[in-house]
Amino acid sequence: MRSLEKFDENDRKIVSLLMEKPDMTQTAIASHLKLSQPAVYARIRRLRKSGIISRIVGVNLNETNLHMVKVEITAKEPWKIVEFFNRCPMFLNGFIISGKHNLCLFFASEKLQAIECCVNHNLRKNPNVLDSETNVVVTPVKNFVAPLTIYTEKLEKTPCGKKCTEQPCYSDGKCLGCPATVFYKGKFL
């Protein structure tokens, strides 16, 4: 955490202002903090370079009809599961955690059954997974901006290598298909 060595009260205020108003100009920040614009520029540049602040472009899940699901897993090798899902368009993020479970994954889809099928076929049947618990996020308390991958050019095969037409959930209508493929029946992803 060397990036926090020079983190001071003015840095804290800059981060707070940018979180409230991401489009706030450096001049406005400088005026608010009674600093010069070049001083604010240098601080923001240092904060970005160190990785403390970043800008994420994504989809506000509160403004869509997308469902979000949290899956907590106990796995022998959690990194292998994260590696697999990093290619999945429904995968939002994953965290190695402590406690009863050692991995927490978040997914989003237009159809809850699509996430259920993904969990059933790729997690519950995975010999690396010892236990799992799935919870539907009913309502995010704050705006939740997710960096979703939206494919404009569709593939014949899913990024994980499976074919939608060969998956039982797809043929019985529970799954919309992988958003990365030509088989996707949804509208948003």
N, C-alpha and C. Protein backbone atom coordinates (compact mmCIF):
# COMPACT_ATOMS: atom_id res chain seq x y z
N MET A 1 0.82 -1.19 0.00
CA MET A 1 0.00 0.00 0.00
C MET A 1 0.86 1.26 0.00
N ARG A 2 1.90 1.26 -0.75
CA ARG A 2 2.79 2.41 -0.83
C ARG A 2 2.05 3.62 -1.38
N SER A 3 0.98 3.42 -2.15
CA SER A 3 0.26 4.53 -2.75
C SER A 3 -0.42 5.39 -1.69
N LEU A 4 -0.57 4.91 -0.47
CA LEU A 4 -1.20 5.69 0.59
C LEU A 4 -0.20 6.50 1.40
N GLU A 5 1.09 6.35 1.14
CA GLU A 5 2.10 7.06 1.92
C GLU A 5 1.93 8.57 1.85
N LYS A 6 1.59 9.11 0.70
CA LYS A 6 1.45 10.56 0.53
C LYS A 6 -0.02 10.99 0.51
N PHE A 7 -0.93 10.13 0.86
CA PHE A 7 -2.37 10.43 0.84
C PHE A 7 -2.70 11.32 2.03
N ASP A 8 -3.10 12.58 1.76
CA ASP A 8 -3.38 13.52 2.84
C ASP A 8 -4.83 14.01 2.80
N GLU A 9 -5.14 14.99 3.62
CA GLU A 9 -6.51 15.50 3.73
C GLU A 9 -7.02 16.08 2.40
N ASN A 10 -6.17 16.80 1.68
CA ASN A 10 -6.59 17.35 0.38
C ASN A 10 -6.88 16.23 -0.62
N ASP A 11 -6.07 15.17 -0.60
CA ASP A 11 -6.33 14.01 -1.47
C ASP A 11 -7.68 13.39 -1.12
N ARG A 12 -7.94 13.25 0.15
CA ARG A 12 -9.21 12.68 0.62
C ARG A 12 -10.39 13.52 0.12
N LYS A 13 -10.24 14.84 0.19
CA LYS A 13 -11.30 15.74 -0.28
C LYS A 13 -11.49 15.63 -1.79
N ILE A 14 -10.39 15.54 -2.52
CA ILE A 14 -10.49 15.40 -3.98
C ILE A 14 -11.23 14.11 -4.35
N VAL A 15 -10.86 13.01 -3.72
CA VAL A 15 -11.52 11.73 -3.99
C VAL A 15 -13.01 11.84 -3.65
N SER A 16 -13.32 12.44 -2.52
CA SER A 16 -14.72 12.59 -2.11
C SER A 16 -15.51 13.43 -3.12
N LEU A 17 -14.94 14.54 -3.55
CA LEU A 17 -15.62 15.40 -4.53
C LEU A 17 -15.85 14.67 -5.85
N LEU A 18 -14.83 13.94 -6.30
CA LEU A 18 -14.97 13.21 -7.57
C LEU A 18 -15.96 12.05 -7.46
N MET A 19 -16.09 11.47 -6.28
CA MET A 19 -17.08 10.40 -6.11
C MET A 19 -18.49 10.98 -6.16
N GLU A 20 -18.68 12.17 -5.60
CA GLU A 20 -20.00 12.82 -5.63
C GLU A 20 -20.33 13.32 -7.03
N LYS A 21 -19.32 13.94 -7.67
CA LYS A 21 -19.52 14.54 -9.00
C LYS A 21 -18.34 14.17 -9.89
N PRO A 22 -18.41 13.01 -10.55
CA PRO A 22 -17.28 12.54 -11.36
C PRO A 22 -16.84 13.49 -12.47
N ASP A 23 -17.75 14.36 -12.93
CA ASP A 23 -17.41 15.28 -14.02
C ASP A 23 -16.97 16.65 -13.52
N MET A 24 -16.75 16.78 -12.21
CA MET A 24 -16.33 18.06 -11.64
C MET A 24 -14.98 18.46 -12.23
N THR A 25 -14.85 19.71 -12.64
CA THR A 25 -13.61 20.17 -13.25
C THR A 25 -12.53 20.40 -12.20
N GLN A 26 -11.30 20.37 -12.66
CA GLN A 26 -10.18 20.64 -11.76
C GLN A 26 -10.25 22.06 -11.23
N THR A 27 -10.73 22.98 -12.04
CA THR A 27 -10.86 24.36 -11.60
C THR A 27 -11.88 24.47 -10.46
N ALA A 28 -12.99 23.75 -10.59
CA ALA A 28 -14.01 23.77 -9.52
C ALA A 28 -13.47 23.13 -8.24
N ILE A 29 -12.72 22.04 -8.39
CA ILE A 29 -12.12 21.39 -7.22
C ILE A 29 -11.12 22.35 -6.56
N ALA A 30 -10.29 23.00 -7.38
CA ALA A 30 -9.30 23.94 -6.86
C ALA A 30 -9.98 25.07 -6.09
N SER A 31 -11.05 25.59 -6.65
CA SER A 31 -11.79 26.67 -5.98
C SER A 31 -12.36 26.18 -4.65
N HIS A 32 -12.94 25.00 -4.65
CA HIS A 32 -13.54 24.42 -3.44
C HIS A 32 -12.48 24.20 -2.35
N LEU A 33 -11.29 23.76 -2.73
CA LEU A 33 -10.24 23.44 -1.76
C LEU A 33 -9.29 24.60 -1.50
N LYS A 34 -9.48 25.71 -2.25
CA LYS A 34 -8.60 26.86 -2.15
C LYS A 34 -7.14 26.48 -2.46
N LEU A 35 -7.00 25.73 -3.55
CA LEU A 35 -5.70 25.35 -4.08
C LEU A 35 -5.62 25.86 -5.51
N SER A 36 -4.44 25.87 -6.10
CA SER A 36 -4.33 26.25 -7.50
C SER A 36 -4.76 25.08 -8.38
N GLN A 37 -5.20 25.41 -9.60
CA GLN A 37 -5.60 24.35 -10.53
C GLN A 37 -4.43 23.44 -10.86
N PRO A 38 -3.19 23.97 -11.08
CA PRO A 38 -2.06 23.06 -11.33
C PRO A 38 -1.78 22.12 -10.16
N ALA A 39 -1.99 22.60 -8.93
CA ALA A 39 -1.78 21.74 -7.75
C ALA A 39 -2.81 20.60 -7.74
N VAL A 40 -4.06 20.92 -8.09
CA VAL A 40 -5.11 19.89 -8.15
C VAL A 40 -4.80 18.91 -9.28
N TYR A 41 -4.37 19.43 -10.44
CA TYR A 41 -4.00 18.58 -11.57
C TYR A 41 -2.92 17.58 -11.14
N ALA A 42 -1.88 18.07 -10.45
CA ALA A 42 -0.77 17.21 -10.03
C ALA A 42 -1.25 16.14 -9.04
N ARG A 43 -2.14 16.52 -8.14
CA ARG A 43 -2.66 15.55 -7.16
C ARG A 43 -3.51 14.48 -7.86
N ILE A 44 -4.40 14.91 -8.75
CA ILE A 44 -5.27 13.95 -9.46
C ILE A 44 -4.41 13.02 -10.31
N ARG A 45 -3.40 13.56 -10.96
CA ARG A 45 -2.51 12.74 -11.78
C ARG A 45 -1.80 11.70 -10.92
N ARG A 46 -1.30 12.11 -9.74
CA ARG A 46 -0.62 11.18 -8.83
C ARG A 46 -1.60 10.13 -8.31
N LEU A 47 -2.83 10.55 -7.98
CA LEU A 47 -3.83 9.60 -7.47
C LEU A 47 -4.23 8.59 -8.54
N ARG A 48 -4.33 9.03 -9.79
CA ARG A 48 -4.65 8.10 -10.88
C ARG A 48 -3.49 7.16 -11.16
N LYS A 49 -2.28 7.71 -11.21
CA LYS A 49 -1.10 6.90 -11.49
C LYS A 49 -0.89 5.83 -10.42
N SER A 50 -1.21 6.16 -9.17
CA SER A 50 -1.04 5.20 -8.08
C SER A 50 -2.18 4.18 -8.03
N GLY A 51 -3.26 4.45 -8.77
CA GLY A 51 -4.39 3.51 -8.79
C GLY A 51 -5.43 3.79 -7.72
N ILE A 52 -5.24 4.84 -6.93
CA ILE A 52 -6.22 5.16 -5.88
C ILE A 52 -7.55 5.58 -6.50
N ILE A 53 -7.50 6.39 -7.54
CA ILE A 53 -8.75 6.75 -8.23
C ILE A 53 -8.68 6.25 -9.67
N SER A 54 -9.83 5.86 -10.16
CA SER A 54 -9.95 5.45 -11.55
C SER A 54 -11.36 5.76 -12.00
N ARG A 55 -11.54 5.72 -13.28
CA ARG A 55 -12.86 5.99 -13.84
C ARG A 55 -13.33 4.72 -14.53
N ILE A 56 -14.50 4.27 -14.14
CA ILE A 56 -15.07 3.06 -14.73
C ILE A 56 -16.30 3.46 -15.54
N VAL A 57 -16.34 3.02 -16.77
CA VAL A 57 -17.54 3.20 -17.58
C VAL A 57 -18.30 1.89 -17.51
N GLY A 58 -19.55 1.97 -17.19
CA GLY A 58 -20.33 0.76 -17.05
C GLY A 58 -21.82 1.05 -17.11
N VAL A 59 -22.58 0.08 -16.69
CA VAL A 59 -24.04 0.15 -16.72
C VAL A 59 -24.54 0.24 -15.28
N ASN A 60 -25.39 1.22 -15.02
CA ASN A 60 -25.99 1.36 -13.70
C ASN A 60 -27.10 0.31 -13.60
N LEU A 61 -26.88 -0.72 -12.79
CA LEU A 61 -27.85 -1.81 -12.71
C LEU A 61 -29.19 -1.37 -12.14
N ASN A 62 -29.21 -0.25 -11.39
CA ASN A 62 -30.48 0.27 -10.87
C ASN A 62 -31.37 0.80 -11.99
N GLU A 63 -30.79 1.10 -13.12
CA GLU A 63 -31.54 1.68 -14.24
C GLU A 63 -31.84 0.67 -15.35
N THR A 64 -31.61 -0.59 -15.08
CA THR A 64 -31.85 -1.63 -16.08
C THR A 64 -32.79 -2.69 -15.52
N ASN A 65 -33.15 -3.63 -16.33
CA ASN A 65 -33.94 -4.78 -15.88
C ASN A 65 -33.03 -5.98 -15.63
N LEU A 66 -31.76 -5.72 -15.41
CA LEU A 66 -30.83 -6.82 -15.16
C LEU A 66 -30.93 -7.27 -13.71
N HIS A 67 -30.80 -8.57 -13.52
CA HIS A 67 -30.80 -9.16 -12.18
C HIS A 67 -29.35 -9.41 -11.78
N MET A 68 -29.09 -9.24 -10.49
CA MET A 68 -27.74 -9.51 -9.99
C MET A 68 -27.83 -10.61 -8.94
N VAL A 69 -26.86 -11.52 -9.00
CA VAL A 69 -26.81 -12.66 -8.09
C VAL A 69 -25.41 -12.74 -7.47
N LYS A 70 -25.40 -13.04 -6.18
CA LYS A 70 -24.13 -13.25 -5.47
C LYS A 70 -24.02 -14.74 -5.17
N VAL A 71 -22.89 -15.34 -5.51
CA VAL A 71 -22.66 -16.76 -5.24
C VAL A 71 -21.42 -16.87 -4.36
N GLU A 72 -21.61 -17.44 -3.17
CA GLU A 72 -20.47 -17.68 -2.29
C GLU A 72 -20.10 -19.15 -2.40
N ILE A 73 -18.81 -19.42 -2.51
CA ILE A 73 -18.33 -20.76 -2.83
C ILE A 73 -17.19 -21.14 -1.89
N THR A 74 -17.15 -22.40 -1.54
CA THR A 74 -15.96 -22.98 -0.92
C THR A 74 -15.34 -23.86 -1.99
N ALA A 75 -14.12 -23.51 -2.39
CA ALA A 75 -13.46 -24.24 -3.47
C ALA A 75 -12.06 -24.65 -3.04
N LYS A 76 -11.62 -25.77 -3.61
CA LYS A 76 -10.25 -26.22 -3.34
C LYS A 76 -9.25 -25.24 -3.94
N GLU A 77 -9.52 -24.81 -5.17
CA GLU A 77 -8.66 -23.86 -5.87
C GLU A 77 -9.51 -22.73 -6.44
N PRO A 78 -9.80 -21.72 -5.62
CA PRO A 78 -10.69 -20.64 -6.06
C PRO A 78 -10.20 -19.89 -7.29
N TRP A 79 -8.88 -19.76 -7.47
CA TRP A 79 -8.37 -19.03 -8.62
C TRP A 79 -8.75 -19.68 -9.94
N LYS A 80 -8.88 -21.01 -9.96
CA LYS A 80 -9.28 -21.71 -11.19
C LYS A 80 -10.71 -21.34 -11.58
N ILE A 81 -11.56 -21.16 -10.59
CA ILE A 81 -12.95 -20.78 -10.87
C ILE A 81 -13.00 -19.34 -11.38
N VAL A 82 -12.25 -18.45 -10.75
CA VAL A 82 -12.20 -17.06 -11.21
C VAL A 82 -11.65 -17.00 -12.63
N GLU A 83 -10.64 -17.77 -12.91
CA GLU A 83 -10.04 -17.81 -14.26
C GLU A 83 -11.08 -18.24 -15.31
N PHE A 84 -11.90 -19.24 -14.96
CA PHE A 84 -12.94 -19.70 -15.88
C PHE A 84 -13.98 -18.60 -16.12
N PHE A 85 -14.48 -17.98 -15.05
CA PHE A 85 -15.56 -17.00 -15.20
C PHE A 85 -15.10 -15.65 -15.72
N ASN A 86 -13.82 -15.37 -15.70
CA ASN A 86 -13.33 -14.11 -16.27
C ASN A 86 -13.71 -13.96 -17.73
N ARG A 87 -14.00 -15.06 -18.41
CA ARG A 87 -14.39 -15.02 -19.83
C ARG A 87 -15.90 -14.96 -20.00
N CYS A 88 -16.66 -15.04 -18.91
CA CYS A 88 -18.13 -15.10 -19.00
C CYS A 88 -18.72 -13.68 -19.03
N PRO A 89 -19.54 -13.35 -20.03
CA PRO A 89 -20.15 -12.02 -20.11
C PRO A 89 -21.11 -11.70 -18.96
N MET A 90 -21.62 -12.70 -18.28
CA MET A 90 -22.53 -12.45 -17.15
C MET A 90 -21.76 -12.18 -15.85
N PHE A 91 -20.48 -12.48 -15.83
CA PHE A 91 -19.65 -12.33 -14.63
C PHE A 91 -19.31 -10.86 -14.41
N LEU A 92 -19.63 -10.34 -13.21
CA LEU A 92 -19.31 -8.96 -12.87
C LEU A 92 -17.99 -8.82 -12.16
N ASN A 93 -17.80 -9.65 -11.12
CA ASN A 93 -16.58 -9.56 -10.33
C ASN A 93 -16.49 -10.74 -9.38
N GLY A 94 -15.31 -10.96 -8.87
CA GLY A 94 -15.10 -12.04 -7.91
C GLY A 94 -14.15 -11.58 -6.82
N PHE A 95 -14.31 -12.15 -5.64
CA PHE A 95 -13.48 -11.79 -4.50
C PHE A 95 -13.05 -13.04 -3.76
N ILE A 96 -11.78 -13.15 -3.46
CA ILE A 96 -11.30 -14.20 -2.56
C ILE A 96 -11.61 -13.66 -1.16
N ILE A 97 -12.31 -14.44 -0.36
CA ILE A 97 -12.78 -13.96 0.94
C ILE A 97 -12.39 -14.92 2.06
N SER A 98 -12.56 -14.48 3.28
CA SER A 98 -12.34 -15.34 4.44
C SER A 98 -13.70 -15.74 5.00
N GLY A 99 -13.72 -16.68 5.87
CA GLY A 99 -14.98 -17.13 6.47
C GLY A 99 -15.34 -18.53 6.00
N LYS A 100 -16.63 -18.84 6.10
CA LYS A 100 -17.11 -20.17 5.71
C LYS A 100 -16.77 -20.48 4.25
N HIS A 101 -16.94 -19.49 3.38
CA HIS A 101 -16.63 -19.65 1.96
C HIS A 101 -15.33 -18.91 1.65
N ASN A 102 -14.64 -19.30 0.59
CA ASN A 102 -13.39 -18.63 0.24
C ASN A 102 -13.47 -17.87 -1.09
N LEU A 103 -14.65 -17.81 -1.68
CA LEU A 103 -14.81 -17.12 -2.95
C LEU A 103 -16.22 -16.54 -3.05
N CYS A 104 -16.33 -15.32 -3.54
CA CYS A 104 -17.63 -14.68 -3.74
C CYS A 104 -17.66 -14.15 -5.18
N LEU A 105 -18.67 -14.56 -5.95
CA LEU A 105 -18.81 -14.15 -7.34
C LEU A 105 -20.12 -13.40 -7.54
N PHE A 106 -20.11 -12.40 -8.41
CA PHE A 106 -21.32 -11.65 -8.75
C PHE A 106 -21.58 -11.81 -10.25
N PHE A 107 -22.86 -12.05 -10.58
CA PHE A 107 -23.29 -12.23 -11.97
C PHE A 107 -24.49 -11.32 -12.25
N ALA A 108 -24.68 -10.97 -13.52
CA ALA A 108 -25.85 -10.18 -13.93
C ALA A 108 -26.40 -10.76 -15.23
N SER A 109 -27.73 -10.75 -15.33
CA SER A 109 -28.39 -11.23 -16.55
C SER A 109 -29.81 -10.67 -16.60
N GLU A 110 -30.38 -10.70 -17.79
CA GLU A 110 -31.77 -10.29 -17.96
C GLU A 110 -32.73 -11.32 -17.38
N LYS A 111 -32.26 -12.53 -17.21
CA LYS A 111 -33.12 -13.62 -16.77
C LYS A 111 -32.43 -14.36 -15.62
N LEU A 112 -33.10 -14.44 -14.47
CA LEU A 112 -32.52 -15.14 -13.32
C LEU A 112 -32.22 -16.60 -13.61
N GLN A 113 -33.08 -17.24 -14.39
CA GLN A 113 -32.87 -18.65 -14.72
C GLN A 113 -31.57 -18.86 -15.49
N ALA A 114 -31.14 -17.86 -16.24
CA ALA A 114 -29.88 -17.99 -16.98
C ALA A 114 -28.70 -18.08 -16.01
N ILE A 115 -28.74 -17.27 -14.96
CA ILE A 115 -27.68 -17.33 -13.95
C ILE A 115 -27.77 -18.65 -13.19
N GLU A 116 -28.99 -19.08 -12.89
CA GLU A 116 -29.18 -20.36 -12.19
C GLU A 116 -28.59 -21.50 -13.02
N CYS A 117 -28.84 -21.51 -14.30
CA CYS A 117 -28.28 -22.56 -15.18
C CYS A 117 -26.76 -22.50 -15.19
N CYS A 118 -26.22 -21.30 -15.26
CA CYS A 118 -24.76 -21.13 -15.26
C CYS A 118 -24.17 -21.67 -13.96
N VAL A 119 -24.80 -21.36 -12.83
CA VAL A 119 -24.32 -21.83 -11.53
C VAL A 119 -24.46 -23.35 -11.43
N ASN A 120 -25.60 -23.88 -11.85
CA ASN A 120 -25.83 -25.33 -11.77
C ASN A 120 -24.83 -26.12 -12.60
N HIS A 121 -24.58 -25.67 -13.83
CA HIS A 121 -23.74 -26.44 -14.75
C HIS A 121 -22.24 -26.18 -14.60
N ASN A 122 -21.89 -24.98 -14.11
CA ASN A 122 -20.46 -24.65 -14.05
C ASN A 122 -19.88 -24.60 -12.64
N LEU A 123 -20.75 -24.59 -11.64
CA LEU A 123 -20.25 -24.56 -10.26
C LEU A 123 -20.66 -25.79 -9.46
N ARG A 124 -21.94 -26.04 -9.40
CA ARG A 124 -22.41 -27.15 -8.55
C ARG A 124 -21.90 -28.50 -9.03
N LYS A 125 -21.65 -28.63 -10.33
CA LYS A 125 -21.13 -29.90 -10.87
C LYS A 125 -19.60 -29.91 -10.95
N ASN A 126 -18.98 -28.83 -10.53
CA ASN A 126 -17.52 -28.71 -10.61
C ASN A 126 -16.88 -29.43 -9.42
N PRO A 127 -16.00 -30.39 -9.65
CA PRO A 127 -15.37 -31.13 -8.54
C PRO A 127 -14.47 -30.24 -7.66
N ASN A 128 -14.08 -29.08 -8.14
CA ASN A 128 -13.30 -28.12 -7.37
C ASN A 128 -14.16 -27.41 -6.31
N VAL A 129 -15.48 -27.42 -6.50
CA VAL A 129 -16.40 -26.72 -5.60
C VAL A 129 -16.89 -27.70 -4.52
N LEU A 130 -16.66 -27.32 -3.27
CA LEU A 130 -17.08 -28.15 -2.14
C LEU A 130 -18.46 -27.75 -1.63
N ASP A 131 -18.78 -26.44 -1.73
CA ASP A 131 -20.05 -25.93 -1.22
C ASP A 131 -20.34 -24.61 -1.92
N SER A 132 -21.63 -24.29 -2.07
CA SER A 132 -21.98 -22.99 -2.65
C SER A 132 -23.32 -22.52 -2.09
N GLU A 133 -23.47 -21.22 -2.08
CA GLU A 133 -24.71 -20.59 -1.64
C GLU A 133 -25.01 -19.45 -2.60
N THR A 134 -26.22 -19.44 -3.15
CA THR A 134 -26.60 -18.45 -4.14
C THR A 134 -27.67 -17.53 -3.56
N ASN A 135 -27.48 -16.23 -3.73
CA ASN A 135 -28.44 -15.24 -3.25
C ASN A 135 -28.73 -14.24 -4.36
N VAL A 136 -30.01 -13.89 -4.52
CA VAL A 136 -30.42 -12.88 -5.48
C VAL A 136 -30.34 -11.52 -4.79
N VAL A 137 -29.71 -10.56 -5.44
CA VAL A 137 -29.69 -9.19 -4.92
C VAL A 137 -31.06 -8.59 -5.26
N VAL A 138 -31.82 -8.26 -4.23
CA VAL A 138 -33.17 -7.73 -4.43
C VAL A 138 -33.12 -6.27 -4.88
N THR A 139 -32.39 -5.44 -4.15
CA THR A 139 -32.28 -4.02 -4.49
C THR A 139 -30.94 -3.48 -4.03
N PRO A 140 -30.15 -2.93 -4.94
CA PRO A 140 -28.93 -2.26 -4.49
C PRO A 140 -29.31 -0.98 -3.73
N VAL A 141 -28.63 -0.71 -2.63
CA VAL A 141 -28.92 0.47 -1.82
C VAL A 141 -28.44 1.74 -2.52
N LYS A 142 -27.28 1.67 -3.14
CA LYS A 142 -26.73 2.80 -3.89
C LYS A 142 -26.68 2.41 -5.36
N ASN A 143 -26.45 3.39 -6.22
CA ASN A 143 -26.25 3.08 -7.63
C ASN A 143 -25.08 2.11 -7.74
N PHE A 144 -25.26 1.11 -8.57
CA PHE A 144 -24.21 0.11 -8.76
C PHE A 144 -23.86 0.08 -10.24
N VAL A 145 -22.69 0.63 -10.56
CA VAL A 145 -22.24 0.68 -11.94
C VAL A 145 -21.34 -0.52 -12.19
N ALA A 146 -21.76 -1.35 -13.13
CA ALA A 146 -21.04 -2.58 -13.43
C ALA A 146 -20.38 -2.48 -14.80
N PRO A 147 -19.09 -2.81 -14.89
CA PRO A 147 -18.41 -2.78 -16.19
C PRO A 147 -18.73 -4.02 -17.01
N LEU A 148 -19.94 -4.06 -17.55
CA LEU A 148 -20.38 -5.21 -18.34
C LEU A 148 -19.69 -5.23 -19.69
N THR A 149 -19.49 -6.41 -20.20
CA THR A 149 -18.96 -6.56 -21.56
C THR A 149 -20.16 -6.73 -22.48
N ILE A 150 -20.32 -5.80 -23.39
CA ILE A 150 -21.42 -5.88 -24.36
C ILE A 150 -20.79 -6.16 -25.73
N TYR A 151 -21.13 -7.31 -26.28
CA TYR A 151 -20.53 -7.75 -27.54
C TYR A 151 -21.31 -7.18 -28.71
N THR A 152 -20.64 -6.48 -29.59
CA THR A 152 -21.29 -5.96 -30.79
C THR A 152 -21.13 -6.93 -31.96
N GLU A 153 -20.05 -7.70 -31.94
CA GLU A 153 -19.86 -8.75 -32.94
C GLU A 153 -19.98 -10.09 -32.24
N LYS A 154 -20.97 -10.85 -32.61
CA LYS A 154 -21.29 -12.10 -31.92
C LYS A 154 -20.44 -13.26 -32.43
N LEU A 155 -20.11 -14.15 -31.51
CA LEU A 155 -19.27 -15.32 -31.79
C LEU A 155 -20.13 -16.56 -32.03
N GLU A 156 -19.55 -17.59 -32.63
CA GLU A 156 -20.24 -18.87 -32.82
C GLU A 156 -20.18 -19.72 -31.56
N LYS A 157 -19.10 -19.58 -30.79
CA LYS A 157 -18.92 -20.32 -29.54
C LYS A 157 -18.79 -19.35 -28.40
N THR A 158 -19.15 -19.78 -27.22
CA THR A 158 -19.02 -18.95 -26.03
C THR A 158 -17.54 -18.73 -25.70
N PRO A 159 -17.21 -17.65 -24.99
CA PRO A 159 -15.81 -17.43 -24.60
C PRO A 159 -15.24 -18.57 -23.75
N CYS A 160 -16.12 -19.31 -23.04
CA CYS A 160 -15.63 -20.43 -22.23
C CYS A 160 -15.51 -21.71 -23.05
N GLY A 161 -15.88 -21.66 -24.34
CA GLY A 161 -15.71 -22.81 -25.21
C GLY A 161 -16.92 -23.71 -25.39
N LYS A 162 -18.02 -23.39 -24.70
CA LYS A 162 -19.22 -24.23 -24.82
C LYS A 162 -20.11 -23.72 -25.95
N LYS A 163 -20.97 -24.59 -26.44
CA LYS A 163 -21.91 -24.21 -27.49
C LYS A 163 -23.31 -24.13 -26.88
N CYS A 164 -23.95 -22.99 -27.01
CA CYS A 164 -25.27 -22.79 -26.40
C CYS A 164 -26.28 -23.87 -26.81
N THR A 165 -26.27 -24.22 -28.08
CA THR A 165 -27.25 -25.18 -28.58
C THR A 165 -27.08 -26.57 -27.97
N GLU A 166 -25.93 -26.83 -27.36
CA GLU A 166 -25.70 -28.12 -26.73
C GLU A 166 -25.99 -28.10 -25.22
N GLN A 167 -26.40 -26.95 -24.70
CA GLN A 167 -26.67 -26.81 -23.27
C GLN A 167 -28.16 -27.06 -23.00
N PRO A 168 -28.50 -27.90 -22.01
CA PRO A 168 -29.90 -28.24 -21.75
C PRO A 168 -30.76 -27.03 -21.36
N CYS A 169 -30.23 -26.08 -20.65
CA CYS A 169 -31.01 -24.90 -20.24
C CYS A 169 -31.39 -24.04 -21.44
N TYR A 170 -30.55 -24.01 -22.45
CA TYR A 170 -30.82 -23.20 -23.63
C TYR A 170 -31.96 -23.82 -24.44
N SER A 171 -31.88 -25.12 -24.65
CA SER A 171 -32.90 -25.78 -25.48
C SER A 171 -34.27 -25.80 -24.81
N ASP A 172 -34.33 -25.77 -23.47
CA ASP A 172 -35.65 -25.75 -22.82
C ASP A 172 -36.11 -24.33 -22.48
N GLY A 173 -35.40 -23.30 -22.95
CA GLY A 173 -35.85 -21.92 -22.82
C GLY A 173 -35.53 -21.23 -21.50
N LYS A 174 -34.82 -21.90 -20.59
CA LYS A 174 -34.48 -21.27 -19.32
C LYS A 174 -33.37 -20.24 -19.46
N CYS A 175 -32.50 -20.46 -20.42
CA CYS A 175 -31.34 -19.60 -20.61
C CYS A 175 -31.49 -18.82 -21.92
N LEU A 176 -31.06 -17.56 -21.90
CA LEU A 176 -31.11 -16.73 -23.10
C LEU A 176 -29.94 -16.99 -24.03
N GLY A 177 -29.00 -17.81 -23.60
CA GLY A 177 -27.78 -18.04 -24.36
C GLY A 177 -26.72 -17.05 -23.94
N CYS A 178 -25.51 -17.33 -24.32
CA CYS A 178 -24.39 -16.47 -23.95
C CYS A 178 -24.48 -15.15 -24.71
N PRO A 179 -24.41 -14.01 -24.01
CA PRO A 179 -24.48 -12.71 -24.68
C PRO A 179 -23.37 -12.46 -25.70
N ALA A 180 -22.31 -13.28 -25.67
CA ALA A 180 -21.22 -13.10 -26.63
C ALA A 180 -21.49 -13.80 -27.95
N THR A 181 -22.56 -14.60 -28.02
CA THR A 181 -22.77 -15.46 -29.20
C THR A 181 -23.95 -15.06 -30.06
N VAL A 182 -23.98 -15.64 -31.24
CA VAL A 182 -25.10 -15.43 -32.17
C VAL A 182 -26.37 -16.11 -31.66
N PHE A 183 -26.24 -16.95 -30.64
CA PHE A 183 -27.39 -17.68 -30.10
C PHE A 183 -28.14 -16.90 -29.02
N TYR A 184 -27.61 -15.75 -28.63
CA TYR A 184 -28.21 -14.94 -27.56
C TYR A 184 -29.58 -14.44 -27.97
N LYS A 185 -30.58 -14.66 -27.08
CA LYS A 185 -31.96 -14.27 -27.36
C LYS A 185 -32.40 -13.05 -26.56
N GLY A 186 -31.49 -12.48 -25.78
CA GLY A 186 -31.83 -11.32 -24.96
C GLY A 186 -31.74 -10.02 -25.77
N LYS A 187 -32.00 -8.91 -25.08
CA LYS A 187 -32.02 -7.63 -25.76
C LYS A 187 -30.90 -6.68 -25.29
N PHE A 188 -30.43 -6.83 -24.06
CA PHE A 188 -29.55 -5.82 -23.51
C PHE A 188 -28.07 -6.11 -23.67
N LEU A 189 -27.65 -7.28 -23.26
CA LEU A 189 -26.22 -7.60 -23.30
C LEU A 189 -25.81 -8.02 -24.69
